[in-house]
Amino acid sequence: MSQEEAADAFQDALAEDDPVQLYERAPCGYLSTTPDGRIIKANETFLTWTGFTFEELRSRTFADLLTVGGRIFHETHYAPMLRMQGTVREIAVDVRRRDGSRLPVLVNATLDRFEDGTPRVVRIALFDATERRGYERELVAAKERAESSEAHARTLARTLQQTLIPPLPPRIPGLDVAAAYRPAGDGSVVGGDFYDVFALPDGEWVVVLGDVCGKGVDAAVVTALARYSLRALAPAPMPLRDVLSHLNETVLAHETDRFCTVLLARLRPDADGWRVTLTTGGHPPAVLLRPDAAPARVELVGPLVGAFDHAVYPEHELVLRSGEALVLYTDGVTEAKGAESWFGEDRLLDTLGGLFPASSDHLVPGLVEHVLDFQGGVARDDIAVLAVRVP
């Protein structure tokens, strides 16, 4: 009799309310054993499932029908639990059929006792768990695939992020330059912060610091677009503010709803030091550090890049003289969240004032360390810092 036929027979017995048939043809296997496990009764459903006759089972124990692992579990968990608690529920084991194949089952068992507490008989109900076991295996396989995909995604994220940050520390002859990038969390998600330093044909240099809205691959696409567009636009003979205007049009024309903030600086040496032209698109202001003055923000306000048509950007010029420095940073610094407050611009100025006049190689990591300590060692957002200093 097949399992389908057994189920049909049970339904017929249920309709006729025949207690014998309800036992024999139940949709689960029934066994009765002595307290030491010897089988003394088995219903027709169990015999159908396993292919044994009752005469073949009469001389066996329930543990004899289990696989090696099942027998070990029977002796170490099932039997002791049944003796102590009088019942076990949903124990997953494999029963060996007569032909040697395995039948996954869930076992529920109850130990009946005499009035004096002496064990009398063990009643066991076994439920076919073939489909459930297959489902569980698929869940495990799906979990392993997800973990593999996650590991691959983290590797891809790190690789992609490395392509968006200069592979070598920035160098400008005659200037002390340093930069740092610290991704949020464990770095498994691609952030939108970026920086770049590159030379122009006429001996000038361009310094860029930006932050694309959002994270992930979409943000990385806009980050790459902004970084390489600026490299293409900056050498053209146009004011720096027009470079940012052209970048704005490029981002708007791209099929994305992302925008970004950008702080762009062009540096050229002159008799007094280094002349710096700044323009900004919605980015936090740079900080000017001078030996004889308190740290000061270079107040410059411009619209976001990639958010508005026909945006107009401001320009500002300053001169960096001997010993002076200019620090650029993303909002991962000022918007760092501590236990009770934000890091903020005032704390930024105080921190830089305490670190200055250290070289850029000490100034940048010192600032990043202060921001991380303020957050308990874990960056809530990407952090990018770049500093240029006249030695």
Protein backbone atom coordinates (compact mmCIF):
# COMPACT_ATOMS: atom_id res chain seq x y z
CA MET A 1 0.00 0.00 0.00
CA SER A 2 1.40 3.40 -1.00
CA GLN A 3 1.37 6.45 1.26
CA GLU A 4 -1.43 7.98 -0.85
CA GLU A 5 -3.47 4.80 -0.53
CA ALA A 6 -2.86 4.75 3.24
CA ALA A 7 -4.11 8.34 3.51
CA ASP A 8 -7.22 7.44 1.50
CA ALA A 9 -7.80 4.41 3.72
CA PHE A 10 -7.52 6.60 6.81
CA GLN A 11 -10.12 8.99 5.43
CA ASP A 12 -12.45 6.03 4.79
CA ALA A 13 -11.90 4.75 8.32
CA LEU A 14 -12.49 8.23 9.70
CA ALA A 15 -15.81 8.40 7.84
CA GLU A 16 -16.81 4.98 9.22
CA ASP A 17 -15.44 5.86 12.69
CA ASP A 18 -13.66 2.50 12.91
CA PRO A 19 -11.12 2.76 15.78
CA VAL A 20 -9.05 -0.18 14.53
CA GLN A 21 -8.72 1.26 11.06
CA LEU A 22 -8.06 4.72 12.50
CA TYR A 23 -5.01 3.23 14.23
CA GLU A 24 -3.86 0.97 11.41
CA ARG A 25 -4.29 3.44 8.59
CA ALA A 26 -3.45 6.70 10.33
CA PRO A 27 -1.42 9.23 8.30
CA CYS A 28 1.48 8.63 10.71
CA GLY A 29 3.34 5.56 11.89
CA TYR A 30 2.56 4.13 15.32
CA LEU A 31 4.86 1.90 17.37
CA SER A 32 4.50 0.51 20.85
CA THR A 33 7.62 -0.76 22.62
CA THR A 34 8.59 -2.12 25.98
CA PRO A 35 10.47 0.31 28.24
CA ASP A 36 13.76 -1.10 26.94
CA GLY A 37 12.70 -0.36 23.34
CA ARG A 38 11.59 -3.79 22.05
CA ILE A 39 8.80 -3.38 19.46
CA ILE A 40 5.53 -5.02 20.49
CA LYS A 41 3.11 -3.30 18.11
CA ALA A 42 3.26 -1.42 14.78
CA ASN A 43 0.47 -0.04 12.65
CA GLU A 44 -0.06 -0.74 8.98
CA THR A 45 1.10 2.72 7.94
CA PHE A 46 4.54 2.21 9.51
CA LEU A 47 4.85 -1.23 7.93
CA THR A 48 3.92 0.26 4.54
CA TRP A 49 6.48 3.03 4.88
CA THR A 50 9.35 0.75 5.87
CA GLY A 51 8.53 -2.45 3.93
CA PHE A 52 8.87 -4.65 7.03
CA THR A 53 6.38 -7.24 8.21
CA PHE A 54 5.46 -7.17 11.86
CA GLU A 55 7.12 -10.57 12.33
CA GLU A 56 10.40 -9.01 11.14
CA LEU A 57 10.05 -6.17 13.65
CA ARG A 58 8.98 -8.26 16.64
CA SER A 59 12.57 -9.24 17.50
CA ARG A 60 13.98 -5.71 17.09
CA THR A 61 14.18 -2.56 19.15
CA PHE A 62 13.23 0.89 17.94
CA ALA A 63 16.92 1.89 18.02
CA ASP A 64 17.72 -1.01 15.63
CA LEU A 65 15.67 0.75 12.94
CA LEU A 66 17.70 3.96 13.13
CA THR A 67 20.86 4.98 11.27
CA VAL A 68 24.18 5.04 13.15
CA GLY A 69 23.81 8.72 13.97
CA GLY A 70 20.20 8.17 15.01
CA ARG A 71 21.18 5.37 17.38
CA ILE A 72 23.80 7.59 19.02
CA PHE A 73 21.23 10.35 19.44
CA HIS A 74 18.72 7.75 20.78
CA GLU A 75 21.12 6.64 23.51
CA THR A 76 22.45 10.10 24.46
CA HIS A 77 19.29 12.24 24.18
CA TYR A 78 16.08 10.44 23.28
CA ALA A 79 16.11 7.63 25.85
CA PRO A 80 17.37 9.72 28.82
CA MET A 81 14.87 12.49 28.06
CA LEU A 82 12.01 9.98 27.82
CA ARG A 83 12.93 8.40 31.17
CA MET A 84 13.24 11.76 32.94
CA GLN A 85 10.38 13.71 31.38
CA GLY A 86 8.08 10.96 30.19
CA THR A 87 7.79 12.48 26.73
CA VAL A 88 9.82 13.67 23.75
CA ARG A 89 8.64 15.83 20.87
CA GLU A 90 9.75 16.41 17.28
CA ILE A 91 12.99 14.44 17.36
CA ALA A 92 14.37 14.35 13.81
CA VAL A 93 15.95 10.99 12.87
CA ASP A 94 16.21 8.68 9.86
CA VAL A 95 14.55 5.25 9.90
CA ARG A 96 16.16 2.57 7.76
CA ARG A 97 13.68 0.80 5.48
CA ARG A 98 13.87 -2.90 4.71
CA ASP A 99 15.61 -2.16 1.38
CA GLY A 100 18.29 -0.08 3.14
CA SER A 101 16.97 3.34 2.08
CA ARG A 102 16.30 6.08 4.62
CA LEU A 103 13.02 7.61 5.69
CA PRO A 104 13.35 11.00 7.45
CA VAL A 105 10.83 11.14 10.32
CA LEU A 106 9.85 13.34 13.26
CA VAL A 107 9.35 11.31 16.42
CA ASN A 108 6.95 12.04 19.28
CA ALA A 109 6.94 9.52 22.14
CA THR A 110 5.22 9.06 25.51
CA LEU A 111 6.22 6.75 28.34
CA ASP A 112 3.22 5.19 30.15
CA ARG A 113 3.76 4.02 33.72
CA PHE A 114 2.02 1.72 36.17
CA GLU A 115 0.39 3.22 39.25
CA ASP A 116 3.58 2.65 41.25
CA GLY A 117 5.60 4.64 38.68
CA THR A 118 7.24 1.66 37.04
CA PRO A 119 7.65 2.13 33.24
CA ARG A 120 4.99 0.18 31.36
CA VAL A 121 5.05 0.91 27.63
CA VAL A 122 6.41 3.50 25.20
CA ARG A 123 4.01 4.79 22.56
CA ILE A 124 5.70 6.34 19.52
CA ALA A 125 4.22 8.40 16.68
CA LEU A 126 6.37 8.94 13.59
CA PHE A 127 5.62 11.56 10.93
CA ASP A 128 7.05 11.41 7.41
CA ALA A 129 9.49 14.37 7.16
CA THR A 130 10.79 13.75 3.64
CA GLU A 131 9.50 17.03 2.22
CA ARG A 132 10.42 18.96 5.35
CA ARG A 133 13.97 17.58 5.27
CA GLY A 134 14.28 18.56 1.62
CA TYR A 135 13.01 22.03 2.48
CA GLU A 136 15.51 22.32 5.33
CA ARG A 137 18.36 21.25 3.04
CA GLU A 138 17.28 23.86 0.53
CA LEU A 139 17.22 26.48 3.30
CA VAL A 140 20.75 25.54 4.33
CA ALA A 141 21.89 25.65 0.71
CA ALA A 142 20.19 29.02 0.23
CA LYS A 143 21.87 30.34 3.39
CA GLU A 144 25.25 29.15 2.15
CA ARG A 145 24.62 30.76 -1.24
CA ALA A 146 23.58 34.00 0.46
CA GLU A 147 26.70 34.00 2.65
CA SER A 148 28.86 33.35 -0.41
CA SER A 149 27.11 36.16 -2.30
CA GLU A 150 27.55 38.48 0.66
CA ALA A 151 31.26 37.70 0.86
CA HIS A 152 31.56 38.25 -2.88
CA ALA A 153 29.66 41.55 -2.56
CA ARG A 154 32.00 42.72 0.21
CA THR A 155 35.03 41.87 -1.93
CA LEU A 156 33.46 43.64 -4.89
CA ALA A 157 32.66 46.67 -2.72
CA ARG A 158 36.24 46.92 -1.47
CA THR A 159 37.61 46.52 -5.00
CA LEU A 160 35.22 49.11 -6.39
CA GLN A 161 36.00 51.55 -3.60
CA GLN A 162 39.72 51.18 -4.26
CA THR A 163 39.19 52.27 -7.87
CA LEU A 164 37.51 55.48 -6.68
CA ILE A 165 40.36 56.54 -4.39
CA PRO A 166 43.85 57.35 -5.72
CA PRO A 167 46.02 54.22 -5.34
CA LEU A 168 49.04 56.24 -4.13
CA PRO A 169 49.26 59.02 -1.53
CA PRO A 170 48.84 62.44 -3.19
CA ARG A 171 52.04 64.34 -3.93
CA ILE A 172 52.49 67.98 -4.99
CA PRO A 173 56.08 69.23 -5.30
CA GLY A 174 56.63 72.08 -2.85
CA LEU A 175 53.57 71.24 -0.73
CA ASP A 176 52.94 68.98 2.23
CA VAL A 177 49.87 66.94 1.19
CA ALA A 178 48.01 64.13 2.96
CA ALA A 179 44.60 62.46 2.61
CA ALA A 180 42.61 59.79 4.40
CA TYR A 181 39.47 57.85 3.63
CA ARG A 182 37.61 55.78 6.23
CA PRO A 183 34.46 53.92 5.09
CA ALA A 184 31.46 53.63 7.37
CA GLY A 185 31.02 50.52 9.52
CA ASP A 186 33.00 47.51 8.36
CA GLY A 187 33.52 48.94 4.88
CA SER A 188 31.29 46.33 3.19
CA VAL A 189 29.11 49.01 1.57
CA VAL A 190 30.53 51.27 -1.11
CA GLY A 191 30.34 54.85 0.06
CA GLY A 192 30.06 58.09 -1.87
CA ASP A 193 33.04 60.03 -0.48
CA PHE A 194 35.94 60.61 -2.84
CA TYR A 195 39.02 62.76 -3.29
CA ASP A 196 41.54 63.34 -6.03
CA VAL A 197 44.77 65.27 -6.65
CA PHE A 198 46.13 65.73 -10.15
CA ALA A 199 48.42 68.02 -12.14
CA LEU A 200 47.46 70.36 -14.99
CA PRO A 201 49.68 70.94 -18.01
CA ASP A 202 50.61 74.51 -16.99
CA GLY A 203 52.14 73.51 -13.65
CA GLU A 204 48.98 74.06 -11.62
CA TRP A 205 47.38 71.40 -9.48
CA VAL A 206 43.76 70.47 -8.76
CA VAL A 207 42.49 69.13 -5.44
CA VAL A 208 39.00 67.64 -5.24
CA LEU A 209 36.95 66.42 -2.32
CA GLY A 210 33.36 65.26 -2.83
CA ASP A 211 30.48 63.30 -1.38
CA VAL A 212 27.77 61.58 -3.42
CA CYS A 213 24.35 61.20 -1.85
CA GLY A 214 23.69 57.63 -0.71
CA LYS A 215 25.72 54.43 -0.81
CA GLY A 216 26.05 51.30 -2.87
CA VAL A 217 26.68 50.72 -6.55
CA ASP A 218 24.42 53.57 -7.72
CA ALA A 219 26.38 56.05 -5.63
CA ALA A 220 29.67 54.56 -6.85
CA VAL A 221 28.60 55.12 -10.46
CA VAL A 222 28.03 58.83 -9.79
CA THR A 223 31.28 59.01 -7.80
CA ALA A 224 33.21 57.65 -10.78
CA LEU A 225 31.32 59.98 -13.13
CA ALA A 226 32.16 63.04 -11.01
CA ARG A 227 35.80 62.13 -10.44
CA TYR A 228 36.66 61.39 -14.06
CA SER A 229 34.54 64.25 -15.42
CA LEU A 230 36.52 66.69 -13.28
CA ARG A 231 39.78 65.24 -14.57
CA ALA A 232 38.53 65.86 -18.12
CA LEU A 233 37.10 69.34 -17.48
CA ALA A 234 39.77 70.89 -15.23
CA PRO A 235 42.51 71.30 -17.91
CA ALA A 236 40.17 73.35 -20.14
CA PRO A 237 40.82 77.14 -20.23
CA MET A 238 37.81 78.19 -18.18
CA PRO A 239 37.18 79.61 -14.69
CA LEU A 240 37.00 77.01 -11.93
CA ARG A 241 33.33 77.84 -11.28
CA ASP A 242 32.54 76.88 -14.89
CA VAL A 243 34.18 73.50 -14.36
CA LEU A 244 31.67 72.86 -11.59
CA SER A 245 28.81 74.13 -13.78
CA HIS A 246 29.75 71.66 -16.51
CA LEU A 247 29.94 68.86 -13.92
CA ASN A 248 26.45 69.86 -12.73
CA GLU A 249 25.11 69.48 -16.29
CA THR A 250 26.87 66.12 -16.66
CA VAL A 251 25.34 64.70 -13.50
CA LEU A 252 21.90 66.06 -14.39
CA ALA A 253 22.11 64.40 -17.82
CA HIS A 254 23.00 61.07 -16.26
CA GLU A 255 20.14 58.66 -15.56
CA THR A 256 20.27 58.94 -11.78
CA ASP A 257 18.51 60.72 -8.96
CA ARG A 258 21.80 61.09 -7.07
CA PHE A 259 23.43 64.44 -6.44
CA CYS A 260 26.72 65.29 -4.81
CA THR A 261 28.67 67.94 -2.97
CA VAL A 262 32.06 68.98 -4.29
CA LEU A 263 34.84 71.25 -3.06
CA LEU A 264 37.24 72.06 -5.89
CA ALA A 265 40.58 73.88 -5.52
CA ARG A 266 43.14 74.95 -8.10
CA LEU A 267 46.63 75.62 -6.72
CA ARG A 268 49.47 77.46 -8.44
CA PRO A 269 52.78 78.60 -6.97
CA ASP A 270 53.64 82.31 -6.91
CA ALA A 271 56.08 84.62 -5.16
CA ASP A 272 54.06 84.75 -1.93
CA GLY A 273 53.48 81.00 -1.63
CA TRP A 274 50.61 79.16 -3.26
CA ARG A 275 47.61 80.93 -4.75
CA VAL A 276 44.44 78.88 -4.24
CA THR A 277 41.17 79.28 -6.15
CA LEU A 278 38.20 77.59 -4.49
CA THR A 279 34.70 76.79 -5.68
CA THR A 280 32.06 74.72 -3.97
CA GLY A 281 28.86 72.87 -4.73
CA GLY A 282 27.04 72.45 -1.45
CA HIS A 283 30.12 71.12 0.35
CA PRO A 284 31.23 71.89 3.93
CA PRO A 285 33.66 74.84 3.96
CA ALA A 286 37.41 74.31 3.99
CA VAL A 287 39.33 75.32 7.12
CA LEU A 288 42.30 77.69 6.89
CA LEU A 289 45.06 77.18 9.45
CA ARG A 290 47.59 79.94 10.12
CA PRO A 291 50.32 80.01 12.77
CA ASP A 292 49.30 83.43 14.08
CA ALA A 293 45.49 83.01 14.02
CA ALA A 294 42.71 80.71 15.15
CA PRO A 295 41.42 78.12 12.64
CA ALA A 296 38.85 79.75 10.35
CA ARG A 297 36.27 78.45 7.91
CA VAL A 298 36.56 79.67 4.33
CA GLU A 299 32.94 80.74 3.97
CA LEU A 300 31.76 79.84 0.49
CA VAL A 301 28.24 78.68 -0.40
CA GLY A 302 27.15 77.09 -3.66
CA PRO A 303 24.27 74.88 -4.82
CA LEU A 304 24.43 71.07 -4.84
CA VAL A 305 25.90 69.44 -7.93
CA GLY A 306 23.36 67.50 -9.98
CA ALA A 307 20.29 68.94 -8.24
CA PHE A 308 19.43 72.18 -10.10
CA ASP A 309 19.44 73.33 -13.72
CA HIS A 310 21.64 76.30 -14.64
CA ALA A 311 23.32 76.35 -11.23
CA VAL A 312 25.83 79.16 -10.66
CA TYR A 313 28.83 78.50 -8.43
CA PRO A 314 30.97 81.01 -6.48
CA GLU A 315 34.74 81.42 -6.52
CA HIS A 316 37.11 82.55 -3.82
CA GLU A 317 40.85 83.19 -3.89
CA LEU A 318 43.35 83.04 -1.05
CA VAL A 319 47.10 82.69 -0.64
CA LEU A 320 48.73 79.94 1.39
CA ARG A 321 51.98 81.26 2.84
CA SER A 322 54.78 79.47 4.64
CA GLY A 323 53.47 77.31 7.51
CA GLU A 324 49.81 77.73 6.54
CA ALA A 325 47.46 74.87 5.71
CA LEU A 326 44.07 74.24 4.13
CA VAL A 327 41.94 71.31 5.33
CA LEU A 328 39.09 69.81 3.28
CA TYR A 329 36.67 67.27 4.78
CA THR A 330 33.33 65.57 4.16
CA ASP A 331 30.27 65.68 6.41
CA GLY A 332 31.30 62.36 7.95
CA VAL A 333 33.47 64.54 10.19
CA THR A 334 31.09 67.26 11.40
CA GLU A 335 28.02 64.97 11.41
CA ALA A 336 29.72 62.22 13.39
CA LYS A 337 27.30 61.21 16.18
CA GLY A 338 28.64 60.72 19.67
CA ALA A 339 26.85 59.56 22.79
CA GLU A 340 25.09 62.88 23.38
CA SER A 341 25.91 65.26 20.52
CA TRP A 342 27.34 65.76 17.04
CA PHE A 343 31.02 66.37 16.42
CA GLY A 344 30.10 69.69 14.81
CA GLU A 345 32.10 72.52 13.27
CA ASP A 346 33.16 74.10 16.56
CA ARG A 347 34.71 70.84 17.77
CA LEU A 348 36.34 70.47 14.34
CA LEU A 349 38.01 73.90 14.66
CA ASP A 350 39.12 73.16 18.23
CA THR A 351 40.57 69.79 17.17
CA LEU A 352 42.47 71.27 14.24
CA GLY A 353 43.73 74.10 16.44
CA GLY A 354 45.09 71.53 18.87
CA LEU A 355 46.79 69.51 16.13
CA PHE A 356 48.25 72.44 14.16
CA PRO A 357 51.07 73.18 13.24
CA ALA A 358 51.78 69.49 12.74
CA SER A 359 52.57 68.37 9.20
CA SER A 360 49.72 67.12 7.01
CA ASP A 361 50.93 63.55 7.57
CA HIS A 362 50.07 64.00 11.26
CA LEU A 363 47.24 66.50 10.93
CA VAL A 364 44.97 64.29 8.77
CA PRO A 365 45.23 61.01 10.70
CA GLY A 366 45.02 62.96 13.95
CA LEU A 367 41.69 64.48 12.92
CA VAL A 368 40.33 61.11 11.73
CA GLU A 369 41.36 59.51 15.02
CA HIS A 370 39.55 62.20 17.03
CA VAL A 371 36.37 61.72 14.96
CA LEU A 372 36.48 57.93 15.39
CA ASP A 373 37.11 58.19 19.14
CA PHE A 374 34.15 60.54 19.39
CA GLN A 375 31.95 57.80 17.84
CA GLY A 376 33.30 55.00 19.98
CA GLY A 377 35.67 53.72 17.31
CA VAL A 378 33.03 53.00 14.64
CA ALA A 379 32.41 55.41 11.77
CA ARG A 380 28.66 55.96 11.25
CA ASP A 381 29.34 57.58 7.88
CA ASP A 382 32.22 57.68 5.42
CA ILE A 383 35.02 60.05 6.39
CA ALA A 384 37.33 61.75 3.90
CA VAL A 385 39.91 64.37 4.86
CA LEU A 386 42.56 66.08 2.72
CA ALA A 387 45.06 68.72 3.80
CA VAL A 388 47.64 70.82 1.92
CA ARG A 389 50.29 72.77 3.84
CA VAL A 390 53.11 75.01 2.80
CA PRO A 391 56.20 73.67 4.61
